[in-house]
Protein backbone atom coordinates (compact mmCIF):
# COMPACT_ATOMS: atom_id res chain seq x y z
CA UNK A 1 0.00 0.00 0.00
CA UNK A 2 1.34 3.46 -0.94
CA UNK A 3 0.99 6.68 1.04
CA UNK A 4 -0.82 8.24 -1.91
CA UNK A 5 -3.63 5.73 -1.29
CA UNK A 6 -4.02 7.08 2.24
CA UNK A 7 -3.80 10.80 1.54
CA UNK A 8 -3.77 12.88 -1.63
CA UNK A 9 -0.18 13.87 -2.28
CA UNK A 10 1.46 14.95 -5.49
CA UNK A 11 4.74 13.53 -6.70
CA UNK A 12 7.81 15.38 -5.52
CA UNK A 13 11.20 14.99 -3.89
CA UNK A 14 11.42 14.82 -0.11
CA UNK A 15 14.23 15.85 2.24
CA UNK A 16 14.99 16.14 5.96
CA UNK A 17 15.63 19.71 7.00
CA UNK A 18 17.31 21.23 10.03
CA UNK A 19 18.83 24.67 9.66
CA UNK A 20 21.36 24.94 12.51
CA UNK A 21 24.54 26.69 11.40
CA UNK A 22 27.91 27.36 13.04
CA UNK A 23 27.33 28.45 16.64
CA UNK A 24 23.70 27.32 16.62
CA UNK A 25 22.15 24.23 18.19
CA UNK A 26 19.03 23.12 20.04
CA UNK A 27 21.25 22.44 23.07
CA UNK A 28 22.39 26.06 23.35
CA UNK A 29 19.04 27.52 22.37
CA UNK A 30 20.61 29.53 19.54
CA UNK A 31 18.35 29.11 16.52
CA UNK A 32 18.45 30.29 12.90
CA UNK A 33 16.69 33.59 12.27
CA UNK A 34 13.98 34.38 9.72
CA UNK A 35 16.36 35.37 6.91
CA UNK A 36 18.51 32.28 7.39
CA UNK A 37 15.50 29.98 7.25
CA UNK A 38 14.18 31.89 4.24
CA UNK A 39 17.54 31.47 2.48
CA UNK A 40 17.50 27.74 3.16
CA UNK A 41 13.96 27.22 1.98
CA UNK A 42 14.51 29.18 -1.22
CA UNK A 43 17.46 26.89 -1.95
CA UNK A 44 15.42 23.77 -1.26
CA UNK A 45 12.34 24.97 -3.13
CA UNK A 46 14.22 24.51 -6.40
CA UNK A 47 14.32 20.71 -6.02
CA UNK A 48 12.09 19.55 -3.16
CA UNK A 49 8.40 19.72 -2.31
CA UNK A 50 8.29 17.73 0.93
CA UNK A 51 10.20 18.63 4.09
CA UNK A 52 10.59 16.57 7.23
CA UNK A 53 11.00 18.53 10.49
CA UNK A 54 12.01 16.79 13.73
CA UNK A 55 10.88 18.93 16.62
CA UNK A 56 8.18 21.34 17.71
CA UNK A 57 10.70 24.04 18.65
CA UNK A 58 11.43 27.67 17.77
CA UNK A 59 13.03 26.65 14.49
CA UNK A 60 9.88 24.81 13.43
CA UNK A 61 7.73 27.80 14.32
CA UNK A 62 9.91 29.90 12.04
CA UNK A 63 9.95 27.39 9.19
CA UNK A 64 6.16 27.23 9.13
CA UNK A 65 5.94 31.02 9.34
CA UNK A 66 8.37 31.46 6.44
CA UNK A 67 6.53 28.93 4.27
CA UNK A 68 3.22 30.69 4.85
CA UNK A 69 4.51 34.27 4.64
CA UNK A 70 6.65 33.71 1.55
CA UNK A 71 3.97 31.49 -0.05
CA UNK A 72 6.43 28.65 -0.67
CA UNK A 73 5.19 25.41 -2.19
CA UNK A 74 6.20 22.99 0.58
CA UNK A 75 4.35 20.25 2.40
CA UNK A 76 5.71 19.31 5.82
CA UNK A 77 5.93 16.10 7.80
CA UNK A 78 6.10 17.51 11.31
CA UNK A 79 7.59 15.56 14.18
CA UNK A 80 7.57 15.84 17.94
CA UNK A 81 10.90 15.04 19.58
CA UNK A 82 10.32 12.79 22.59
CA UNK A 83 13.10 12.35 25.16
CA UNK A 84 14.05 9.40 27.35
CA UNK A 85 11.33 8.12 29.67
CA UNK A 86 13.32 5.10 30.88
CA UNK A 87 17.03 4.34 31.09
CA UNK A 88 18.66 2.40 28.28
CA UNK A 89 21.73 0.52 29.47
CA UNK A 90 22.32 -0.73 25.95
CA UNK A 91 23.19 2.70 24.56
CA UNK A 92 26.96 2.97 23.96
CA UNK A 93 27.09 6.77 24.42
CA UNK A 94 24.74 7.48 27.30
CA UNK A 95 21.09 6.83 27.90
CA UNK A 96 21.22 6.79 31.72
CA UNK A 97 19.39 9.56 33.61
CA UNK A 98 18.33 10.42 37.14
CA UNK A 99 14.73 9.54 37.97
CA UNK A 100 13.85 13.22 38.30
CA UNK A 101 15.17 13.87 34.80
CA UNK A 102 13.07 11.03 33.39
CA UNK A 103 9.97 12.53 35.01
CA UNK A 104 10.81 15.93 33.53
CA UNK A 105 11.31 14.32 30.12
CA UNK A 106 7.91 12.67 30.32
CA UNK A 107 6.24 16.00 31.10
CA UNK A 108 8.12 17.66 28.25
CA UNK A 109 7.12 14.87 25.88
CA UNK A 110 3.46 15.43 26.65
CA UNK A 111 3.92 19.15 25.95
CA UNK A 112 5.65 18.30 22.66
CA UNK A 113 2.71 16.17 21.60
CA UNK A 114 0.29 18.90 22.60
CA UNK A 115 2.22 21.46 20.54
CA UNK A 116 2.33 19.02 17.62
CA UNK A 117 -1.46 18.97 17.68
CA UNK A 118 -1.67 22.77 17.95
CA UNK A 119 0.63 23.31 14.96
CA UNK A 120 -1.18 20.65 12.93
CA UNK A 121 -4.42 22.55 13.38
CA UNK A 122 -2.79 25.94 12.85
CA UNK A 123 -1.17 24.94 9.54
CA UNK A 124 -3.45 22.29 8.00
CA UNK A 125 -2.64 23.53 4.50
CA UNK A 126 1.11 23.04 5.04
CA UNK A 127 1.47 20.08 7.43
CA UNK A 128 0.42 16.88 5.66
CA UNK A 129 1.47 14.29 8.25
CA UNK A 130 2.62 13.99 11.86
CA UNK A 131 5.23 11.90 13.65
CA UNK A 132 5.19 11.26 17.42
CA UNK A 133 8.92 10.63 17.72
CA UNK A 134 12.23 9.72 16.16
CA UNK A 135 14.43 6.68 16.85
CA UNK A 136 13.16 6.37 20.42
CA UNK A 137 12.62 2.61 20.61
CA UNK A 138 15.67 1.13 18.88
CA UNK A 139 18.08 -0.75 21.17
CA UNK A 140 20.93 1.76 20.89
CA UNK A 141 18.99 5.01 21.42
CA UNK A 142 19.92 7.48 24.16
CA UNK A 143 16.30 8.69 24.40
CA UNK A 144 14.43 5.46 24.97
CA UNK A 145 10.64 5.61 25.22
CA UNK A 146 8.54 2.50 25.94
CA UNK A 147 6.36 1.36 23.06
CA UNK A 148 3.24 1.72 25.22
CA UNK A 149 4.03 5.42 25.67
CA UNK A 150 4.51 5.89 21.94
CA UNK A 151 1.12 4.25 21.35
CA UNK A 152 -0.44 6.65 23.86
CA UNK A 153 1.06 9.59 21.97
CA UNK A 154 -0.27 8.27 18.66
CA UNK A 155 -3.73 8.07 20.16
CA UNK A 156 -3.46 11.60 21.59
CA UNK A 157 -2.55 13.02 18.20
CA UNK A 158 -5.28 11.12 16.41
CA UNK A 159 -7.84 12.57 18.79
CA UNK A 160 -6.58 16.12 18.34
CA UNK A 161 -5.54 16.41 14.69
CA UNK A 162 -6.75 15.29 11.28
CA UNK A 163 -3.45 14.52 9.56
CA UNK A 164 -2.20 10.91 9.27
CA UNK A 165 0.08 9.88 12.15
CA UNK A 166 3.32 7.89 12.08
CA UNK A 167 6.44 7.13 14.14
CA UNK A 168 9.93 7.34 12.61
CA UNK A 169 12.29 4.50 13.45
CA UNK A 170 15.04 2.28 12.10
CA UNK A 171 13.64 -0.57 10.01
CA UNK A 172 14.63 -3.34 12.45
CA UNK A 173 12.27 -2.65 15.40
CA UNK A 174 9.26 -2.83 13.05
CA UNK A 175 9.96 -6.55 12.73
CA UNK A 176 9.52 -7.26 16.44
CA UNK A 177 8.83 -4.81 19.23
CA UNK A 178 6.77 -2.37 17.15
CA UNK A 179 4.12 -4.79 15.90
CA UNK A 180 1.41 -3.29 18.14
CA UNK A 181 2.48 0.23 17.25
CA UNK A 182 2.28 -0.64 13.54
CA UNK A 183 -1.45 -1.25 13.93
CA UNK A 184 -1.94 2.12 15.64
CA UNK A 185 -0.16 4.39 13.17
CA UNK A 186 -1.68 5.39 9.84
CA UNK A 187 1.57 4.63 8.04
CA UNK A 188 4.98 3.21 8.95
CA UNK A 189 8.17 5.25 8.66
CA UNK A 190 11.55 3.53 8.42
CA UNK A 191 15.20 4.59 8.39
CA UNK A 192 17.77 2.77 6.30
CA UNK A 193 21.52 3.50 6.34
CA UNK A 194 23.61 0.95 4.42
CA UNK A 195 26.83 2.82 5.17
CA UNK A 196 26.25 2.52 8.93
CA UNK A 197 25.92 -1.24 8.40
CA UNK A 198 29.25 -1.52 6.63
CA UNK A 199 27.86 -1.85 3.12
CA UNK A 200 29.86 -0.53 0.20
CA UNK A 201 28.34 1.57 -2.55
CA UNK A 202 27.79 -1.44 -4.81
CA UNK A 203 25.63 -3.10 -2.14
CA UNK A 204 23.90 0.04 -0.94
CA UNK A 205 20.74 0.37 -3.01
CA UNK A 206 19.98 -3.35 -2.89
CA UNK A 207 20.33 -3.23 0.90
CA UNK A 208 17.97 -0.27 1.09
CA UNK A 209 15.48 -2.14 -1.07
CA UNK A 210 15.74 -5.17 1.20
CA UNK A 211 15.17 -3.03 4.29
CA UNK A 212 12.10 -1.42 2.75
CA UNK A 213 10.60 -4.60 1.31
CA UNK A 214 11.07 -6.52 4.55
CA UNK A 215 8.79 -4.07 6.36
CA UNK A 216 6.37 -3.45 3.48
CA UNK A 217 5.81 -7.19 3.05
CA UNK A 218 5.25 -7.67 6.78
CA UNK A 219 2.54 -4.98 6.82
CA UNK A 220 0.93 -5.04 3.36
CA UNK A 221 -2.11 -3.19 4.70
CA UNK A 222 0.00 -0.21 5.81
CA UNK A 223 1.80 2.38 3.67
CA UNK A 224 5.55 2.39 4.33
CA UNK A 225 7.63 5.55 3.90
CA UNK A 226 11.40 5.96 4.13
CA UNK A 227 11.89 8.97 6.39
CA UNK A 228 15.70 8.78 6.44
CA UNK A 229 18.21 7.45 3.94
CA UNK A 230 21.51 9.02 3.00
CA UNK A 231 25.27 8.78 2.65
CA UNK A 232 27.81 10.73 4.71
CA UNK A 233 30.77 12.52 3.13
CA UNK A 234 33.29 12.36 6.02
CA UNK A 235 34.10 10.06 8.93
CA UNK A 236 36.58 9.91 11.79
CA UNK A 237 36.55 6.12 11.54
CA UNK A 238 34.05 5.46 14.33
CA UNK A 239 31.24 3.36 12.91
CA UNK A 240 32.04 4.22 9.29
CA UNK A 241 35.29 3.56 7.43
CA UNK A 242 36.64 6.90 6.11
CA UNK A 243 37.32 5.24 2.74
CA UNK A 244 33.62 4.41 2.42
CA UNK A 245 32.37 8.01 2.52
CA UNK A 246 33.02 10.95 0.23
CA UNK A 247 31.11 13.28 -2.10
CA UNK A 248 31.41 10.94 -5.08
CA UNK A 249 29.87 8.02 -3.19
CA UNK A 250 27.14 10.27 -1.83
CA UNK A 251 26.26 11.29 -5.38
CA UNK A 252 26.01 7.67 -6.53
CA UNK A 253 23.78 6.62 -3.63
CA UNK A 254 21.57 9.70 -3.88
CA UNK A 255 20.92 9.20 -7.59
CA UNK A 256 20.30 5.47 -7.19
CA UNK A 257 17.97 6.09 -4.24
CA UNK A 258 15.93 8.83 -5.91
CA UNK A 259 15.59 6.91 -9.18
CA UNK A 260 14.45 3.74 -7.39
CA UNK A 261 12.03 5.69 -5.18
CA UNK A 262 10.45 7.34 -8.22
CA UNK A 263 10.17 4.06 -10.12
CA UNK A 264 8.59 2.21 -7.19
CA UNK A 265 6.44 5.08 -5.93
CA UNK A 266 8.09 5.05 -2.51
CA UNK A 267 8.11 8.37 -0.67
CA UNK A 268 11.72 8.78 0.51
CA UNK A 269 13.07 11.63 2.63
CA UNK A 270 16.77 12.04 1.89
CA UNK A 271 18.92 12.69 4.94
CA UNK A 272 19.72 15.53 4.86
CA UNK A 273 19.72 19.02 3.41
CA UNK A 274 22.66 20.73 5.18
CA UNK A 275 25.62 19.62 7.28
CA UNK A 276 25.10 20.21 10.99
CA UNK A 277 28.36 20.81 12.91
CA UNK A 278 26.65 20.76 16.32
CA UNK A 279 25.92 17.03 16.11
CA UNK A 280 27.95 14.18 17.53
CA UNK A 281 31.35 14.48 19.20
CA UNK A 282 33.64 17.54 19.09
CA UNK A 283 35.77 15.84 16.41
CA UNK A 284 35.36 17.72 13.12
CA UNK A 285 35.21 14.50 11.03
CA UNK A 286 32.45 12.98 13.18
CA UNK A 287 30.07 11.36 10.63
CA UNK A 288 26.97 12.90 12.23
CA UNK A 289 28.17 16.31 11.07
CA UNK A 290 28.50 15.39 7.39
CA UNK A 291 25.28 14.01 5.90
CA UNK A 292 24.19 17.18 4.11
CA UNK A 293 23.82 17.55 0.35
CA UNK A 294 25.15 21.06 1.08
CA UNK A 295 27.89 22.10 3.49
CA UNK A 296 27.05 24.15 6.56
CA UNK A 297 27.85 27.35 4.62
CA UNK A 298 25.29 26.26 1.97
CA UNK A 299 27.83 25.32 -0.68
CA UNK A 300 26.50 22.49 -2.86
CA UNK A 301 28.39 19.23 -2.56
CA UNK A 302 29.16 17.29 -5.73
CA UNK A 303 25.70 15.74 -5.96
CA UNK A 304 24.05 19.18 -6.13
CA UNK A 305 26.61 21.21 -8.10
CA UNK A 306 25.03 20.71 -11.50
CA UNK A 307 21.62 21.73 -10.19
CA UNK A 308 22.91 24.79 -8.29
CA UNK A 309 25.58 26.51 -10.44
CA UNK A 310 24.43 29.89 -9.15
CA UNK A 311 25.42 28.96 -5.59
CA UNK A 312 28.86 27.89 -6.78
CA UNK A 313 29.37 31.24 -8.52
CA UNK A 314 28.09 33.10 -5.49
CA UNK A 315 30.59 31.36 -3.23
CA UNK A 316 33.43 32.08 -5.68
CA UNK A 317 32.55 35.75 -5.80
CA UNK A 318 32.83 36.00 -2.03
CA UNK A 319 36.33 34.51 -1.93
């Protein structure tokens, strides 16, 4: 079953967007301003119709305002970011919190869901679908949320908003622990990252197809969307071999992914629009910082250079 059978959507490219630049991050509370968001969206409007946003924060408020004010032709999948409600001892980089912090997270999560509903009703012409969380149930997450809680959030959103509801997660949990959740959501959203699973570029698209088909065949009565798939361009060697990531390989995977998605009618959100230096460890080659199709200063990487020659010339003129 395709998403287009559930809701009326036009064909169009889809991409994950977060606009944090140098010196900005959700952790510090320093967010992009109106003109920066406007600049980003004008860049993206040339090639993408669908945006995925992760959090109901100040940045999201601004993105929705810019889309409406500037009359930009975007449709948004809006997410609520839900934090850890229980400790996860299986997370290699954290995931353990004081009980008081877990209680505070739970209260914040409820507020996130409530704001998700408010924004959905405030921008029904722009927001076409809603997600109640992101990678919060996979074994390695540092913000673990019990499946029962996620189901509660799905039900809250369904009561308060009209848009279809999903939950964004790695493909693996949908095979086991998320079976009950799969019946609650309107459509299933999966993440697939061949490069994180040590696949080379020649194996990559086939692996993505296998990931997608394994979930789609398990739930033939539910639409399945890919809400994250991409290829990094740098690595410090932790989790991804540096020789397996660069701009040339990103270009190959992106083109293969987009062509396959169009042929099969699979809505696929490419991860991601712009590099985000605030993510991951302080090491500059940390893979989490280098998934963008554009660098943090909005220079097109190889995959986008032919489509955006004007940005290349603009950068040259400033040198």
